Amino acid sequence: MTRISPQPGIMDIELYQGGASHLAGVTDVLKLSSNENPFGPSPAAVQAVSEAAAKLHRYPSTDHAALRAAIGAVHDLDPDRLIIGVGSDEVLTWLALAYAGPGDEVLYPEHGFSLYPIVARAAGATPVTAPETARRVDVDAILARVTPATRLIYLANPANPTGTMIGADEMTRLAAAVPESCILVLDGAYAEFVDGYDGGAALVDRHPNVVMTRTLSKIYGLGGLRVGWGYAPRAIIDVLNRIRGPFNMSNVALAGAEAAIRDQEFVRTCRIANAEQRARLAGGLAQLGIPSDESHANFVLARFADADRARAADAHLKAHGILVRLVAGYGFPEALRITVGRPQDVTRVLDAMATFPGATA
């Protein structure tokens, strides 16, 4: 008798581990483990969600036209080339399901987002990594790993968990060199934290095989609603819409996301506050002998002498009611990823680390 079994590659997927949220016996927990906006969502988004909740008996729109129009207006993009997903994760997944399969390869930097190998294996494709240089994406290393079997290249810029970023010249060079048989996916989950950065939209407009994804889970503070979007050539959007579920987004999520997108003053305020507190956090840790690379996101990757010191620092912060993220799974056993919080949150982290055994301050 033939036994039921999953498709090849599925059981090779490691279960995703989210950032911790609770500490046993601690009531005043400071969660800095998931890169969430410490200021929460826009009040306009909260109001929109509240109003939409009264219409839960109604099906949502299937074309997401209002939200696509809002995104198009704010970012000066063609709404017909936008697609809305349950977080940018869903858009990244559609791309793998639509364009990769058995015998194909999905390429990404060695410290890239843990979802990339998941969606590759879910599609039956083979995940392939390219080495980074000093915790930065190396364009030449990526291009050296491209083969005739490469169908997708996933690249986050700024990157998670390093916070590092490559510049426009390198992005342009990469996009120009990717073969037409391969799609370059620019994951812009943290793009809004970089003032004046378009996340790769201009490259999408210049190339038929470049896609940009964005999320409302980070600076917009809507992680709990799960809303993301993609911008791509119309031919690719047409393909993705054929596998998108007709009611993949709830009316509550659509309403909250539209209000959030239109409240760009809130986004600007959060960007400024994040930049200020990120500098405080990185600078304060450096004074304690804990280095980090220049971050362009809403977190810093604090590096320690070795994995034991990183685990000890994590335990020390937990003893002070502070949750951060161990990132050994990303290839950094010697590091902790610390989300940038409010001013009082950054002070609490720095005060706690000042008492960490071996701190130099």
Protein backbone atom coordinates (compact mmCIF):
# COMPACT_ATOMS: atom_id res chain seq x y z
CA MET A 1 0.00 0.00 0.00
CA THR A 2 1.32 3.44 -0.93
CA ARG A 3 1.76 5.65 2.11
CA ILE A 4 0.76 9.29 2.16
CA SER A 5 3.83 11.50 2.06
CA PRO A 6 4.51 15.18 1.40
CA GLN A 7 6.19 16.46 -1.71
CA PRO A 8 10.01 16.21 -1.78
CA GLY A 9 11.67 19.04 0.10
CA ILE A 10 8.79 19.76 2.48
CA MET A 11 10.23 17.82 5.42
CA ASP A 12 13.57 19.60 4.90
CA ILE A 13 11.93 22.86 5.94
CA GLU A 14 12.88 23.94 9.45
CA LEU A 15 9.96 25.27 11.47
CA TYR A 16 10.05 29.05 11.81
CA GLN A 17 10.72 30.39 15.29
CA GLY A 18 9.26 33.82 16.00
CA GLY A 19 10.63 36.29 18.51
CA ALA A 20 9.79 35.51 22.12
CA SER A 21 7.00 37.53 23.75
CA HIS A 22 6.85 36.38 27.37
CA LEU A 23 9.12 35.77 30.34
CA ALA A 24 7.88 33.54 33.12
CA GLY A 25 7.22 35.53 36.28
CA VAL A 26 7.95 38.90 34.66
CA THR A 27 5.14 41.41 34.16
CA ASP A 28 7.10 44.38 32.80
CA VAL A 29 8.55 42.63 29.75
CA LEU A 30 10.24 44.79 27.13
CA LYS A 31 9.90 42.95 23.82
CA LEU A 32 12.65 43.89 21.38
CA SER A 33 12.79 40.56 19.57
CA SER A 34 10.56 41.03 16.49
CA ASN A 35 11.45 44.43 14.97
CA GLU A 36 8.01 45.83 15.74
CA ASN A 37 7.22 49.55 15.79
CA PRO A 38 7.41 50.52 19.49
CA PHE A 39 4.94 53.36 18.85
CA GLY A 40 2.29 50.99 17.53
CA PRO A 41 0.13 51.73 14.48
CA SER A 42 -1.18 55.05 13.22
CA PRO A 43 -4.26 56.22 15.16
CA ALA A 44 -5.96 56.56 11.79
CA ALA A 45 -5.39 52.86 11.15
CA VAL A 46 -6.80 51.94 14.54
CA GLN A 47 -9.92 53.99 13.83
CA ALA A 48 -10.34 52.41 10.39
CA VAL A 49 -10.03 48.91 11.83
CA SER A 50 -12.63 49.72 14.49
CA GLU A 51 -15.10 50.94 11.89
CA ALA A 52 -14.46 47.97 9.59
CA ALA A 53 -15.12 45.54 12.42
CA ALA A 54 -18.81 46.45 12.24
CA LYS A 55 -18.92 44.93 8.75
CA LEU A 56 -17.39 41.55 9.43
CA HIS A 57 -20.40 39.83 7.86
CA ARG A 58 -19.44 41.27 4.46
CA TYR A 59 -16.91 39.68 2.14
CA PRO A 60 -13.92 41.89 1.33
CA SER A 61 -13.16 43.17 -2.14
CA THR A 62 -11.35 40.74 -4.38
CA ASP A 63 -9.31 43.31 -6.30
CA HIS A 64 -8.09 45.43 -3.35
CA ALA A 65 -8.55 48.47 -5.58
CA ALA A 66 -8.81 51.06 -2.81
CA LEU A 67 -5.60 49.93 -1.09
CA ARG A 68 -3.73 49.65 -4.39
CA ALA A 69 -4.85 53.17 -5.29
CA ALA A 70 -3.60 54.49 -1.94
CA ILE A 71 -0.21 52.80 -2.33
CA GLY A 72 0.03 54.07 -5.90
CA ALA A 73 -0.74 57.62 -4.84
CA VAL A 74 1.76 57.64 -1.97
CA HIS A 75 4.61 55.98 -3.88
CA ASP A 76 3.79 57.24 -7.39
CA LEU A 77 3.29 53.72 -8.72
CA ASP A 78 0.85 52.24 -11.21
CA PRO A 79 -1.91 50.57 -9.14
CA ASP A 80 -2.41 47.99 -11.89
CA ARG A 81 1.12 46.74 -11.24
CA LEU A 82 0.53 46.22 -7.52
CA ILE A 83 -0.59 43.09 -5.71
CA ILE A 84 -1.66 42.76 -2.07
CA GLY A 85 -0.74 39.81 0.11
CA VAL A 86 -0.99 38.50 3.64
CA GLY A 87 2.25 40.20 4.55
CA SER A 88 5.01 40.44 1.99
CA ASP A 89 5.63 36.80 2.95
CA GLU A 90 2.68 35.75 0.81
CA VAL A 91 3.95 37.67 -2.21
CA LEU A 92 7.40 36.10 -1.79
CA THR A 93 5.72 32.69 -1.62
CA TRP A 94 3.63 33.27 -4.77
CA LEU A 95 6.78 34.13 -6.69
CA ALA A 96 8.39 30.83 -5.76
CA LEU A 97 5.27 28.81 -6.50
CA ALA A 98 4.77 30.53 -9.84
CA TYR A 99 8.33 30.57 -11.15
CA ALA A 100 10.36 27.83 -9.42
CA GLY A 101 9.99 24.07 -9.20
CA PRO A 102 11.88 20.77 -9.23
CA GLY A 103 15.24 21.18 -10.93
CA ASP A 104 15.25 24.94 -10.42
CA GLU A 105 17.35 26.97 -8.00
CA VAL A 106 16.42 29.87 -5.71
CA LEU A 107 19.39 32.06 -4.76
CA TYR A 108 19.80 34.39 -1.79
CA PRO A 109 22.61 35.78 0.44
CA GLU A 110 23.93 33.42 3.10
CA HIS A 111 22.46 35.46 5.97
CA GLY A 112 19.19 36.17 4.16
CA PHE A 113 15.67 36.07 5.59
CA SER A 114 14.79 32.55 6.77
CA LEU A 115 11.63 32.51 4.62
CA TYR A 116 13.63 32.29 1.40
CA PRO A 117 14.70 28.62 1.74
CA ILE A 118 11.24 27.77 3.06
CA VAL A 119 9.44 29.01 -0.06
CA ALA A 120 12.09 27.46 -2.30
CA ARG A 121 11.61 24.02 -0.79
CA ALA A 122 7.82 24.42 -0.69
CA ALA A 123 7.94 24.93 -4.46
CA GLY A 124 10.20 21.90 -4.91
CA ALA A 125 13.18 24.01 -5.90
CA THR A 126 16.71 23.93 -4.48
CA PRO A 127 17.81 26.79 -2.20
CA VAL A 128 21.31 28.13 -2.93
CA THR A 129 23.24 30.68 -0.88
CA ALA A 130 25.84 33.22 -1.92
CA PRO A 131 28.51 34.33 0.59
CA GLU A 132 28.45 37.80 2.08
CA THR A 133 31.46 39.99 2.79
CA ALA A 134 31.75 41.45 6.29
CA ARG A 135 28.00 40.92 6.83
CA ARG A 136 27.13 42.79 3.64
CA VAL A 137 25.56 41.52 0.44
CA ASP A 138 28.26 40.84 -2.16
CA VAL A 139 26.88 41.43 -5.66
CA ASP A 140 29.78 39.64 -7.36
CA ALA A 141 29.29 36.61 -5.12
CA ILE A 142 25.60 36.48 -6.01
CA LEU A 143 26.29 36.72 -9.74
CA ALA A 144 28.94 34.00 -9.45
CA ARG A 145 26.30 31.61 -8.07
CA VAL A 146 23.80 32.23 -10.86
CA THR A 147 23.39 29.17 -13.11
CA PRO A 148 21.04 28.29 -15.97
CA ALA A 149 18.82 26.73 -13.28
CA THR A 150 18.48 29.92 -11.23
CA ARG A 151 14.90 31.17 -11.39
CA LEU A 152 14.68 33.59 -8.45
CA ILE A 153 17.11 35.75 -6.50
CA TYR A 154 15.78 37.07 -3.19
CA LEU A 155 17.60 40.09 -1.79
CA ALA A 156 16.57 42.14 1.23
CA ASN A 157 17.90 45.70 1.26
CA PRO A 158 18.30 46.79 4.06
CA ALA A 159 19.05 43.25 5.17
CA ASN A 160 17.74 41.29 8.13
CA PRO A 161 19.35 40.48 10.56
CA THR A 162 22.41 42.62 9.80
CA GLY A 163 20.74 45.95 9.03
CA THR A 164 23.39 46.59 6.38
CA MET A 165 22.55 47.93 2.95
CA ILE A 166 24.08 48.10 -0.52
CA GLY A 167 23.87 51.32 -2.48
CA ALA A 168 22.06 52.28 -5.67
CA ASP A 169 25.06 51.62 -7.90
CA GLU A 170 25.41 48.05 -6.71
CA MET A 171 21.67 47.45 -6.94
CA THR A 172 21.67 48.78 -10.49
CA ARG A 173 24.65 46.63 -11.45
CA LEU A 174 22.98 43.52 -10.06
CA ALA A 175 19.67 44.15 -11.81
CA ALA A 176 21.41 44.71 -15.13
CA ALA A 177 23.42 41.49 -14.85
CA VAL A 178 20.62 39.10 -13.87
CA PRO A 179 19.71 36.91 -16.87
CA GLU A 180 16.25 37.26 -18.38
CA SER A 181 15.40 33.71 -17.30
CA CYS A 182 15.63 34.77 -13.64
CA ILE A 183 13.60 37.16 -11.48
CA LEU A 184 15.37 39.49 -9.03
CA VAL A 185 13.14 40.02 -6.00
CA LEU A 186 13.98 43.11 -3.93
CA ASP A 187 12.59 42.56 -0.45
CA GLY A 188 12.02 46.05 0.98
CA ALA A 189 10.59 45.15 4.38
CA TYR A 190 12.77 47.84 5.98
CA ALA A 191 12.88 50.30 3.07
CA GLU A 192 10.77 52.94 4.85
CA PHE A 193 13.45 53.39 7.49
CA VAL A 194 15.80 54.81 4.84
CA ASP A 195 14.88 58.40 4.03
CA GLY A 196 14.43 58.93 0.28
CA TYR A 197 14.90 55.27 -0.67
CA ASP A 198 12.41 53.87 -3.22
CA GLY A 199 13.03 50.22 -2.29
CA GLY A 200 13.95 49.39 -5.86
CA ALA A 201 10.82 50.72 -7.60
CA ALA A 202 12.85 52.47 -10.30
CA LEU A 203 14.62 49.21 -11.10
CA VAL A 204 11.26 47.48 -11.48
CA ASP A 205 10.30 50.12 -14.03
CA ARG A 206 13.52 49.56 -16.00
CA HIS A 207 13.65 45.77 -16.06
CA PRO A 208 11.09 43.10 -17.05
CA ASN A 209 12.42 40.66 -14.45
CA VAL A 210 12.67 42.75 -11.27
CA VAL A 211 10.02 42.69 -8.51
CA MET A 212 9.82 44.76 -5.33
CA THR A 213 8.01 43.67 -2.16
CA ARG A 214 7.10 45.77 0.86
CA THR A 215 5.34 45.20 4.18
CA LEU A 216 3.16 47.15 6.59
CA SER A 217 4.41 45.05 9.52
CA LYS A 218 7.44 47.19 10.35
CA ILE A 219 7.32 51.00 10.30
CA TYR A 220 3.53 50.99 9.85
CA GLY A 221 3.07 48.89 13.00
CA LEU A 222 0.52 46.51 11.44
CA GLY A 223 2.25 43.18 12.04
CA GLY A 224 -0.94 41.83 13.60
CA LEU A 225 -3.00 42.60 10.50
CA ARG A 226 -0.62 40.88 8.05
CA VAL A 227 -0.54 43.15 5.02
CA GLY A 228 2.16 43.40 2.37
CA TRP A 229 2.41 44.26 -1.28
CA GLY A 230 4.42 43.72 -4.40
CA TYR A 231 5.24 45.92 -7.40
CA ALA A 232 6.21 44.23 -10.64
CA PRO A 233 5.92 44.29 -14.41
CA ARG A 234 2.30 43.76 -15.40
CA ALA A 235 3.01 40.34 -16.92
CA ILE A 236 4.30 39.07 -13.55
CA ILE A 237 1.38 40.62 -11.66
CA ASP A 238 -0.98 38.80 -14.04
CA VAL A 239 0.71 35.49 -13.21
CA LEU A 240 0.61 36.07 -9.45
CA ASN A 241 -3.05 37.06 -9.51
CA ARG A 242 -3.87 33.67 -11.03
CA ILE A 243 -2.65 31.88 -7.89
CA ARG A 244 -3.75 34.50 -5.37
CA GLY A 245 -6.81 33.48 -3.39
CA PRO A 246 -9.76 35.74 -4.32
CA PHE A 247 -10.41 36.64 -0.66
CA ASN A 248 -6.87 36.50 0.68
CA MET A 249 -7.26 39.82 2.54
CA SER A 250 -9.89 40.62 5.17
CA ASN A 251 -11.90 43.84 5.04
CA VAL A 252 -10.43 44.80 8.43
CA ALA A 253 -6.87 44.41 7.13
CA LEU A 254 -7.62 46.33 3.94
CA ALA A 255 -9.22 49.22 5.81
CA GLY A 256 -6.42 49.47 8.37
CA ALA A 257 -3.74 49.26 5.71
CA GLU A 258 -5.28 51.98 3.54
CA ALA A 259 -5.54 54.37 6.48
CA ALA A 260 -1.97 53.58 7.53
CA ILE A 261 -0.57 54.13 4.03
CA ARG A 262 -2.27 57.52 3.77
CA ASP A 263 -0.90 58.69 7.15
CA GLN A 264 2.60 59.50 5.94
CA GLU A 265 3.14 62.06 8.69
CA PHE A 266 3.02 59.19 11.20
CA VAL A 267 5.55 57.27 9.08
CA ARG A 268 7.86 60.29 8.93
CA THR A 269 7.68 60.75 12.71
CA CYS A 270 8.51 57.08 13.29
CA ARG A 271 11.42 57.21 10.82
CA ILE A 272 12.98 60.19 12.59
CA ALA A 273 12.51 58.69 16.05
CA ASN A 274 13.96 55.37 14.91
CA ALA A 275 17.06 57.03 13.44
CA GLU A 276 17.68 58.96 16.67
CA GLN A 277 17.25 55.99 18.98
CA ARG A 278 19.14 53.61 16.68
CA ALA A 279 22.16 55.93 16.89
CA ARG A 280 21.79 56.05 20.70
CA LEU A 281 21.56 52.26 20.96
CA ALA A 282 24.47 51.52 18.63
CA GLY A 283 26.62 54.24 20.15
CA GLY A 284 25.87 53.20 23.71
CA LEU A 285 26.65 49.57 23.00
CA ALA A 286 29.90 50.55 21.27
CA GLN A 287 30.96 52.44 24.39
CA LEU A 288 30.42 49.20 26.29
CA GLY A 289 32.70 47.34 23.89
CA ILE A 290 29.85 45.77 21.90
CA PRO A 291 30.20 46.61 18.19
CA SER A 292 27.60 46.59 15.44
CA ASP A 293 27.59 47.49 11.76
CA GLU A 294 25.85 50.66 10.63
CA SER A 295 22.18 49.72 10.54
CA HIS A 296 19.65 51.14 8.09
CA ALA A 297 16.68 49.34 9.67
CA ASN A 298 14.92 49.39 13.04
CA PHE A 299 17.35 47.11 14.84
CA VAL A 300 21.06 46.63 15.45
CA LEU A 301 23.05 43.42 15.30
CA ALA A 302 25.17 43.52 18.45
CA ARG A 303 28.26 41.32 18.19
CA PHE A 304 30.09 39.60 21.03
CA ALA A 305 33.36 37.71 21.30
CA ASP A 306 31.73 34.32 20.74
CA ALA A 307 28.49 32.36 21.03
CA ASP A 308 28.88 31.82 24.77
CA ARG A 309 29.12 35.57 25.41
CA ALA A 310 26.08 36.20 23.21
CA ARG A 311 24.02 33.64 25.10
CA ALA A 312 25.21 35.10 28.40
CA ALA A 313 24.18 38.59 27.27
CA ASP A 314 20.78 37.26 26.22
CA ALA A 315 20.32 35.67 29.64
CA HIS A 316 21.47 38.88 31.33
CA LEU A 317 18.90 40.95 29.42
CA LYS A 318 16.15 38.43 30.22
CA ALA A 319 17.03 38.78 33.90
CA HIS A 320 16.23 42.48 33.43
CA GLY A 321 12.93 41.69 31.69
CA ILE A 322 14.23 42.43 28.17
CA LEU A 323 13.67 40.11 25.22
CA VAL A 324 15.97 40.32 22.18
CA ARG A 325 16.72 37.81 19.42
CA LEU A 326 19.44 35.18 19.27
CA VAL A 327 20.32 34.82 15.58
CA ALA A 328 22.42 31.66 15.44
CA GLY A 329 19.94 30.35 12.88
CA TYR A 330 20.98 33.17 10.56
CA GLY A 331 24.63 32.25 10.87
CA PHE A 332 25.50 34.65 13.70
CA PRO A 333 25.83 32.59 16.91
CA GLU A 334 27.95 35.38 18.38
CA ALA A 335 25.31 38.09 17.94
CA LEU A 336 22.03 39.44 19.27
CA ARG A 337 19.53 41.35 17.17
CA ILE A 338 18.04 44.15 19.24
CA THR A 339 15.01 46.08 18.01
CA VAL A 340 15.20 49.85 18.39
CA GLY A 341 12.62 50.94 20.95
CA ARG A 342 11.37 54.18 22.42
CA PRO A 343 13.84 56.46 24.23
CA GLN A 344 13.04 54.85 27.59
CA ASP A 345 13.44 51.39 26.05
CA VAL A 346 16.90 52.18 24.71
CA THR A 347 17.88 53.58 28.09
CA ARG A 348 16.69 50.38 29.75
CA VAL A 349 18.77 48.21 27.40
CA LEU A 350 21.90 50.31 27.84
CA ASP A 351 21.51 50.44 31.63
CA ALA A 352 21.13 46.65 31.73
CA MET A 353 24.13 46.03 29.48
CA ALA A 354 26.26 48.39 31.56
CA THR A 355 26.04 45.81 34.34
CA PHE A 356 26.83 42.86 32.06
CA PRO A 357 30.03 41.19 33.34
CA GLY A 358 32.92 42.29 31.20
CA ALA A 359 31.33 45.48 29.91
CA THR A 360 34.05 48.06 29.33
CA ALA A 361 32.18 51.14 30.53
